[in-house]
Amino acid sequence: MLHIKLIVGSTREGRFSEKIIPWLENELKKKKEIIYEVLDLRDYDMPFYDQPISPSMVENGEYEHEVVRNFAGKIREADAFLVIAPEYNHGYTAVLKNALDSVYAEWNKKPISFVSYGSVLGGRVVEQLRQVAIELQMAPVRNALHMKGPWYLLDENNNLPEGALDEYKKSFESVLEQLHWWGEALKIARNK
């Protein structure tokens, strides 16, 4: 089984991420070869990175702050990552960057992909996050799920109508196929 962590990369009130998580989970449950867990950054109130040494120098996950150690433990469990990354002002959220920067070895040699949305379908965010992932010794896969801005998908009551995400099923399938392939390959390589 491949263990994927679905990371919710926004913590703001009324975030669109909450509306798409049930759909993503439903699609993930269809994959018998995958187990997943949602990691909501709201549940990991990490201080903004302030340590005197780089996380790359921390041994055995012994980070100073307990919340960072707990987060690192969850990241260590994963074989692959799928990050919900909204675009804010042409970039990713500060809380997501902080989560990526706060641990190091736990990210290494694992694939990552993204579910993004925004004014250009979140394309700018995904490109920026791929650069960060490479520096963390991760393997960003080619495909990502790019969604229209929430303002196009929600109805007049701010709800996601039934079937609003159906057009993304094929794209998400390709993301999961790539995460699975790379996840299995890198899992074997890490265990050598």
Protein backbone atom coordinates (compact mmCIF):
# COMPACT_ATOMS: atom_id res chain seq x y z
CA MET A 1 0.00 0.00 0.00
CA LEU A 2 1.15 3.49 -0.82
CA HIS A 3 0.60 5.99 2.02
CA ILE A 4 -0.33 9.47 0.75
CA LYS A 5 -0.67 12.52 2.96
CA LEU A 6 -3.20 15.04 1.64
CA ILE A 7 -1.97 18.36 3.02
CA VAL A 8 -4.41 21.25 3.30
CA GLY A 9 -2.22 24.28 2.57
CA SER A 10 -4.52 27.08 3.70
CA THR A 11 -5.80 27.91 7.15
CA ARG A 12 -8.00 30.91 6.46
CA GLU A 13 -11.65 31.09 7.46
CA GLY A 14 -14.01 30.10 4.64
CA ARG A 15 -11.28 28.46 2.59
CA PHE A 16 -12.32 26.74 -0.62
CA SER A 17 -10.18 23.72 0.29
CA GLU A 18 -12.86 22.48 2.68
CA LYS A 19 -15.34 22.27 -0.18
CA ILE A 20 -13.11 20.08 -2.34
CA ILE A 21 -11.71 17.74 0.33
CA PRO A 22 -14.77 15.42 0.31
CA TRP A 23 -14.48 15.04 -3.47
CA LEU A 24 -10.73 14.36 -3.27
CA GLU A 25 -11.28 11.81 -0.51
CA ASN A 26 -13.97 10.08 -2.51
CA GLU A 27 -11.60 9.74 -5.47
CA LEU A 28 -8.74 8.54 -3.24
CA LYS A 29 -10.98 5.87 -1.66
CA LYS A 30 -11.51 4.33 -5.10
CA LYS A 31 -7.82 3.39 -5.23
CA LYS A 32 -7.35 0.08 -3.43
CA GLU A 33 -3.55 0.38 -3.61
CA ILE A 34 -3.57 3.73 -1.74
CA ILE A 35 -4.20 4.70 1.84
CA TYR A 36 -4.34 8.36 2.71
CA GLU A 37 -4.61 10.76 5.60
CA VAL A 38 -5.62 14.42 5.56
CA LEU A 39 -3.15 16.72 7.31
CA ASP A 40 -4.80 20.08 7.91
CA LEU A 41 -2.26 22.77 8.73
CA ARG A 42 -4.85 24.25 11.09
CA ASP A 43 -4.09 21.29 13.34
CA TYR A 44 -0.36 22.09 13.36
CA ASP A 45 0.03 25.60 14.73
CA MET A 46 3.76 25.74 14.10
CA PRO A 47 5.70 28.87 14.94
CA PHE A 48 7.18 30.61 11.95
CA TYR A 49 10.58 29.06 11.44
CA ASP A 50 12.96 30.69 13.90
CA GLN A 51 15.57 28.06 14.75
CA PRO A 52 19.31 28.81 14.83
CA ILE A 53 20.12 25.73 12.73
CA SER A 54 18.64 24.46 9.50
CA PRO A 55 16.13 21.59 9.71
CA SER A 56 18.55 19.72 7.40
CA MET A 57 20.96 19.57 10.35
CA VAL A 58 18.39 18.14 12.81
CA GLU A 59 18.96 14.48 13.55
CA ASN A 60 16.26 11.86 14.11
CA GLY A 61 13.39 14.36 13.95
CA GLU A 62 14.41 16.01 17.22
CA TYR A 63 13.01 19.43 16.35
CA GLU A 64 12.79 21.95 19.19
CA HIS A 65 9.02 22.53 19.12
CA GLU A 66 6.68 19.66 19.98
CA VAL A 67 4.18 20.62 17.27
CA VAL A 68 6.97 20.48 14.67
CA ARG A 69 8.07 17.05 15.97
CA ASN A 70 4.46 15.84 15.68
CA PHE A 71 4.17 17.21 12.14
CA ALA A 72 7.52 15.67 11.21
CA GLY A 73 6.29 12.30 12.47
CA LYS A 74 3.28 12.49 10.14
CA ILE A 75 5.47 13.51 7.21
CA ARG A 76 7.87 10.64 7.97
CA GLU A 77 4.98 8.13 7.66
CA ALA A 78 4.19 9.18 4.09
CA ASP A 79 5.31 7.61 0.84
CA ALA A 80 3.91 10.51 -1.23
CA PHE A 81 2.24 13.88 -0.85
CA LEU A 82 -0.70 15.64 -2.42
CA VAL A 83 -0.90 19.30 -1.43
CA ILE A 84 -3.95 21.53 -1.76
CA ALA A 85 -2.27 24.80 -2.70
CA PRO A 86 -4.45 27.83 -3.39
CA GLU A 87 -2.96 30.80 -5.18
CA TYR A 88 -2.81 33.98 -3.11
CA ASN A 89 -1.39 37.04 -4.91
CA HIS A 90 0.56 34.96 -7.45
CA GLY A 91 2.05 32.73 -4.74
CA TYR A 92 1.47 30.04 -2.16
CA THR A 93 0.36 30.61 1.41
CA ALA A 94 2.79 31.57 4.16
CA VAL A 95 1.55 28.72 6.36
CA LEU A 96 2.33 26.17 3.63
CA LYS A 97 5.83 27.54 3.07
CA ASN A 98 6.42 27.48 6.81
CA ALA A 99 5.31 23.84 7.01
CA LEU A 100 7.66 22.92 4.16
CA ASP A 101 10.56 24.81 5.75
CA SER A 102 10.09 23.53 9.30
CA VAL A 103 11.18 19.92 8.64
CA TYR A 104 13.63 18.44 6.18
CA ALA A 105 14.69 14.80 6.11
CA GLU A 106 11.09 13.63 6.43
CA TRP A 107 10.29 15.10 2.97
CA ASN A 108 13.32 13.63 1.21
CA LYS A 109 13.08 11.16 -1.69
CA LYS A 110 9.29 11.16 -1.89
CA PRO A 111 7.01 12.30 -4.72
CA ILE A 112 4.69 15.25 -4.48
CA SER A 113 1.87 16.68 -6.55
CA PHE A 114 -0.59 19.51 -6.13
CA VAL A 115 -4.26 20.42 -6.28
CA SER A 116 -4.35 24.12 -6.99
CA TYR A 117 -6.82 26.80 -7.91
CA GLY A 118 -6.76 30.51 -8.56
CA SER A 119 -6.89 33.10 -11.28
CA VAL A 120 -4.74 31.05 -13.67
CA LEU A 121 -5.84 27.68 -12.28
CA GLY A 122 -3.11 27.86 -9.65
CA GLY A 123 -0.39 27.35 -12.25
CA ARG A 124 1.98 29.93 -10.76
CA VAL A 125 1.74 28.33 -7.32
CA VAL A 126 2.49 24.85 -8.60
CA GLU A 127 5.56 26.05 -10.50
CA GLN A 128 6.88 27.82 -7.41
CA LEU A 129 6.20 24.84 -5.14
CA ARG A 130 7.97 22.47 -7.51
CA GLN A 131 11.15 24.50 -7.01
CA VAL A 132 10.78 24.30 -3.23
CA ALA A 133 10.09 20.55 -3.43
CA ILE A 134 13.27 19.96 -5.43
CA GLU A 135 15.32 21.78 -2.80
CA LEU A 136 13.73 19.49 -0.19
CA GLN A 137 14.96 16.50 -2.25
CA MET A 138 11.44 15.57 -3.29
CA ALA A 139 10.29 14.40 -6.71
CA PRO A 140 7.51 16.63 -8.04
CA VAL A 141 5.52 14.64 -10.58
CA ARG A 142 4.61 16.15 -13.92
CA ASN A 143 0.84 16.31 -13.50
CA ALA A 144 -1.11 18.43 -11.04
CA LEU A 145 -4.79 19.15 -10.71
CA HIS A 146 -5.51 22.74 -11.73
CA MET A 147 -9.01 24.01 -10.90
CA LYS A 148 -10.84 27.14 -11.89
CA GLY A 149 -11.11 29.83 -9.29
CA PRO A 150 -13.73 29.10 -6.64
CA TRP A 151 -15.76 32.07 -7.84
CA TYR A 152 -16.53 30.06 -11.01
CA LEU A 153 -17.41 26.83 -9.21
CA LEU A 154 -19.60 27.97 -6.30
CA ASP A 155 -23.29 28.72 -6.58
CA GLU A 156 -25.04 31.88 -5.33
CA ASN A 157 -25.18 30.40 -1.79
CA ASN A 158 -21.41 29.81 -1.76
CA ASN A 159 -21.90 26.05 -2.08
CA LEU A 160 -20.23 23.62 -4.43
CA PRO A 161 -23.04 22.22 -6.61
CA GLU A 162 -23.36 18.48 -7.18
CA GLY A 163 -21.13 17.44 -10.07
CA ALA A 164 -19.16 20.71 -10.12
CA LEU A 165 -15.86 18.83 -9.99
CA ASP A 166 -16.73 16.03 -12.42
CA GLU A 167 -14.67 17.66 -15.18
CA TYR A 168 -11.55 17.13 -13.06
CA LYS A 169 -11.84 13.35 -12.60
CA LYS A 170 -9.60 12.44 -15.53
CA SER A 171 -6.92 14.95 -14.52
CA PHE A 172 -6.96 13.74 -10.93
CA GLU A 173 -6.71 10.14 -12.10
CA SER A 174 -3.50 11.01 -13.95
CA VAL A 175 -2.11 12.72 -10.84
CA LEU A 176 -2.81 9.62 -8.73
CA GLU A 177 -1.29 7.32 -11.35
CA GLN A 178 1.94 9.33 -11.34
CA LEU A 179 2.05 9.61 -7.55
CA HIS A 180 1.52 5.86 -7.28
CA TRP A 181 4.22 4.97 -9.81
CA TRP A 182 6.81 7.34 -8.36
CA GLY A 183 5.77 6.56 -4.81
CA GLU A 184 6.31 2.83 -5.28
CA ALA A 185 9.62 3.33 -7.13
CA LEU A 186 11.02 5.68 -4.50
CA LYS A 187 9.74 3.52 -1.65
CA ILE A 188 11.76 0.60 -3.01
CA ALA A 189 14.80 2.83 -3.50
CA ARG A 190 14.56 4.27 0.05
CA ASN A 191 14.40 0.77 1.52
CA LYS A 192 17.59 -0.48 -0.20
